[in-house]
C-alpha cells in the first residue's frame, strides 16, 4: 500500500508544475485530500526534490518497478532539454522552469544522473564526468560538505551498479 500510495502521490504532483518536476514540498489538505504547491520557496525543484529521481531510479534498478520507468520518462523532459541547451542544471528551478540559482549543484547531478541513465545515457555520462572531475583523494568537491559526499557516492554507486550485490543478497534471502 505504501508503494502504491507513494506512486499515486508522485503522479499527482507532476501536474502541479509547468516543468513536471517534483517540488521540494507540497501541501496536503487533510480535510479534502487535495494536494497543492506551498509558498514560492517550497515549490521549487532543488535540494529536497532531486532525491526523488535517485529513489525512483533505485526502484527501477533493484525491483524492475514499471511505474518507476514511466515516472522518470514523464518527469525528466525539462532536465533533459535544459542540459541539451546549456550543458548544466541550475541548483534551484522554479515551478515554471526558471533557474533561481546561477550555480550548479553537484548533489543534484549525482541524484539525477542514474535516473537519466536509460533515457539519455550520454547526459548521465556527462553528469558523471563532471562529478568525477572533482574527485580528489577520495573526496568530491568540498571536503567539509557531508551532503555532497553522500550524494556523490549514492549517485555513483547506483549509476555504476555498485548496488547490485545488495539486490542479489536481498533476492537470495527470500
Protein backbone atom coordinates (compact mmCIF):
# COMPACT_ATOMS: atom_id res chain seq x y z
CA UNK A 1 0.00 0.00 0.00
CA UNK A 2 2.85 2.38 0.79
CA UNK A 3 4.43 1.82 -2.63
CA UNK A 4 1.09 2.29 -4.39
CA UNK A 5 0.21 5.44 -2.45
CA UNK A 6 3.72 6.86 -3.00
CA UNK A 7 3.45 6.46 -6.75
CA UNK A 8 -0.07 7.94 -6.66
CA UNK A 9 1.23 10.97 -4.77
CA UNK A 10 4.17 11.39 -7.15
CA UNK A 11 1.84 11.12 -10.14
CA UNK A 12 -0.50 13.70 -8.64
CA UNK A 13 2.32 16.19 -8.08
CA UNK A 14 3.64 16.08 -11.65
CA UNK A 15 0.81 18.30 -12.84
CA UNK A 16 1.49 20.96 -10.22
CA UNK A 17 4.47 22.48 -12.01
CA UNK A 18 4.99 23.55 -15.60
CA UNK A 19 8.25 21.56 -15.63
CA UNK A 20 6.57 18.40 -14.30
CA UNK A 21 9.44 18.22 -11.80
CA UNK A 22 8.54 17.41 -8.21
CA UNK A 23 8.55 20.33 -5.81
CA UNK A 24 10.68 20.35 -2.68
CA UNK A 25 7.48 20.41 -0.64
CA UNK A 26 3.76 20.09 -1.30
CA UNK A 27 0.78 20.78 0.93
CA UNK A 28 -1.81 18.12 1.71
CA UNK A 29 -5.23 19.36 2.79
CA UNK A 30 -6.24 16.78 5.39
CA UNK A 31 -9.92 17.66 5.07
CA UNK A 32 -10.22 17.25 1.30
CA UNK A 33 -7.19 15.14 0.45
CA UNK A 34 -6.17 17.66 -2.21
CA UNK A 35 -2.53 18.36 -2.91
CA UNK A 36 -1.17 21.77 -3.88
CA UNK A 37 2.06 23.68 -4.03
CA UNK A 38 3.01 25.69 -1.00
CA UNK A 39 4.77 29.02 -0.99
CA UNK A 40 7.10 30.04 -3.80
CA UNK A 41 10.21 28.99 -1.86
CA UNK A 42 8.92 25.44 -1.25
CA UNK A 43 7.52 24.91 -4.75
CA UNK A 44 10.95 24.78 -6.42
CA UNK A 45 12.88 21.73 -7.56
CA UNK A 46 16.13 21.73 -5.63
CA UNK A 47 17.90 20.05 -2.71
CA UNK A 48 14.89 18.20 -1.33
CA UNK A 49 13.15 17.21 -4.56
CA UNK A 50 16.09 15.94 -6.63
CA UNK A 51 16.27 12.93 -4.28
CA UNK A 52 13.01 11.66 -5.80
CA UNK A 53 14.83 10.89 -9.06
CA UNK A 54 17.51 8.84 -7.33
CA UNK A 55 14.96 6.90 -5.29
CA UNK A 56 12.77 6.17 -8.30
CA UNK A 57 15.83 5.11 -10.33
CA UNK A 58 16.75 2.79 -7.46
CA UNK A 59 13.26 1.29 -7.52
CA UNK A 60 13.55 0.70 -11.26
CA UNK A 61 17.01 -0.84 -10.98
CA UNK A 62 16.56 -3.06 -7.94
CA UNK A 63 12.95 -4.10 -8.33
CA UNK A 64 12.11 -3.54 -12.00
CA UNK A 65 9.14 -1.41 -10.96
CA UNK A 66 7.34 -0.44 -14.21
CA UNK A 67 5.86 2.70 -12.61
CA UNK A 68 9.41 3.91 -11.93
CA UNK A 69 10.43 3.95 -15.59
CA UNK A 70 7.11 5.55 -16.52
CA UNK A 71 7.57 8.27 -13.89
CA UNK A 72 11.13 9.01 -14.98
CA UNK A 73 10.10 9.31 -18.64
CA UNK A 74 7.22 11.61 -17.76
CA UNK A 75 9.15 13.93 -15.45
CA UNK A 76 12.66 14.15 -16.94
CA UNK A 77 11.92 16.16 -20.09
CA UNK A 78 12.69 19.56 -18.61
CA UNK A 79 16.01 18.34 -17.18
CA UNK A 80 16.98 16.75 -20.49
CA UNK A 81 16.09 19.84 -22.52
CA UNK A 82 17.88 22.17 -20.12
CA UNK A 83 21.03 20.04 -20.20
CA UNK A 84 20.93 19.85 -24.00
CA UNK A 85 20.56 23.65 -24.25
CA UNK A 86 23.01 24.76 -21.57
CA UNK A 87 25.14 21.75 -20.58
CA UNK A 88 24.25 22.27 -16.92
CA UNK A 89 21.33 22.44 -14.49
CA UNK A 90 20.66 25.30 -12.08
CA UNK A 91 20.70 24.26 -8.43
CA UNK A 92 17.21 25.71 -7.93
CA UNK A 93 14.47 25.50 -10.58
CA UNK A 94 11.17 27.35 -10.23
CA UNK A 95 7.82 25.71 -10.89
CA UNK A 96 7.74 27.42 -14.30
CA UNK A 97 11.27 26.42 -15.26
CA UNK A 98 13.31 29.48 -14.36
CA UNK A 99 16.76 28.97 -12.89
CA UNK A 100 16.73 30.51 -9.42
CA UNK A 101 20.44 29.92 -8.83
CA UNK A 102 23.40 30.83 -11.01
CA UNK A 103 25.38 27.83 -9.77
CA UNK A 104 25.06 24.10 -10.31
CA UNK A 105 24.51 21.58 -7.53
CA UNK A 106 26.84 18.55 -7.62
CA UNK A 107 24.34 16.82 -5.34
CA UNK A 108 21.59 17.33 -7.93
CA UNK A 109 23.80 15.95 -10.70
CA UNK A 110 24.55 12.90 -8.56
CA UNK A 111 20.89 12.33 -7.76
CA UNK A 112 19.61 12.85 -11.29
CA UNK A 113 22.28 11.06 -13.35
CA UNK A 114 21.16 7.49 -12.53
CA UNK A 115 17.58 8.45 -13.42
CA UNK A 116 18.73 9.55 -16.88
CA UNK A 117 20.96 6.53 -17.49
CA UNK A 118 18.37 4.61 -19.53
CA UNK A 119 16.64 7.67 -21.01
CA UNK A 120 19.66 9.70 -22.11
CA UNK A 121 22.86 7.79 -21.34
CA UNK A 122 25.04 10.49 -22.92
CA UNK A 123 23.67 13.07 -20.48
CA UNK A 124 24.09 10.73 -17.50
CA UNK A 125 27.66 10.11 -18.63
CA UNK A 126 28.37 13.84 -18.97
CA UNK A 127 27.00 14.44 -15.48
CA UNK A 128 29.13 11.63 -14.10
CA UNK A 129 32.17 13.11 -15.85
CA UNK A 130 31.56 16.48 -14.24
CA UNK A 131 31.16 14.87 -10.84
CA UNK A 132 34.23 12.65 -11.19
CA UNK A 133 36.38 15.55 -12.43
CA UNK A 134 36.13 16.95 -8.91
CA UNK A 135 37.12 13.69 -7.20
CA UNK A 136 40.48 14.07 -5.42
CA UNK A 137 41.92 11.97 -2.62
CA UNK A 138 38.62 10.19 -2.06
CA UNK A 139 36.61 13.43 -1.80
CA UNK A 140 34.20 15.14 -4.21
CA UNK A 141 34.20 18.94 -4.34
CA UNK A 142 34.07 20.32 -0.79
CA UNK A 143 35.72 18.23 1.92
CA UNK A 144 33.53 19.88 4.55
CA UNK A 145 30.19 19.00 2.91
CA UNK A 146 28.90 15.62 4.00
CA UNK A 147 25.82 16.20 1.80
CA UNK A 148 27.93 16.38 -1.36
CA UNK A 149 29.97 13.36 -0.27
CA UNK A 150 26.89 11.27 0.42
CA UNK A 151 25.05 12.20 -2.76
CA UNK A 152 28.13 11.81 -4.93
CA UNK A 153 28.55 8.30 -3.54
CA UNK A 154 24.82 7.43 -3.81
CA UNK A 155 24.63 8.63 -7.41
CA UNK A 156 27.89 6.99 -8.45
CA UNK A 157 27.01 3.72 -6.72
CA UNK A 158 23.67 3.46 -8.49
CA UNK A 159 25.00 4.61 -11.86
CA UNK A 160 27.91 2.18 -11.78
CA UNK A 161 25.84 -0.74 -10.43
CA UNK A 162 27.61 -0.95 -7.08
CA UNK A 163 24.21 -1.56 -5.51
CA UNK A 164 23.55 -4.75 -7.47
CA UNK A 165 25.21 -7.02 -4.89
CA UNK A 166 22.57 -5.70 -2.48
CA UNK A 167 19.93 -6.81 -4.95
CA UNK A 168 21.45 -10.25 -5.27
CA UNK A 169 21.68 -10.80 -1.49
CA UNK A 170 18.14 -9.46 -1.00
CA UNK A 171 16.70 -11.73 -3.67
CA UNK A 172 18.56 -14.77 -2.32
CA UNK A 173 17.26 -14.22 1.21
CA UNK A 174 13.60 -14.82 0.22
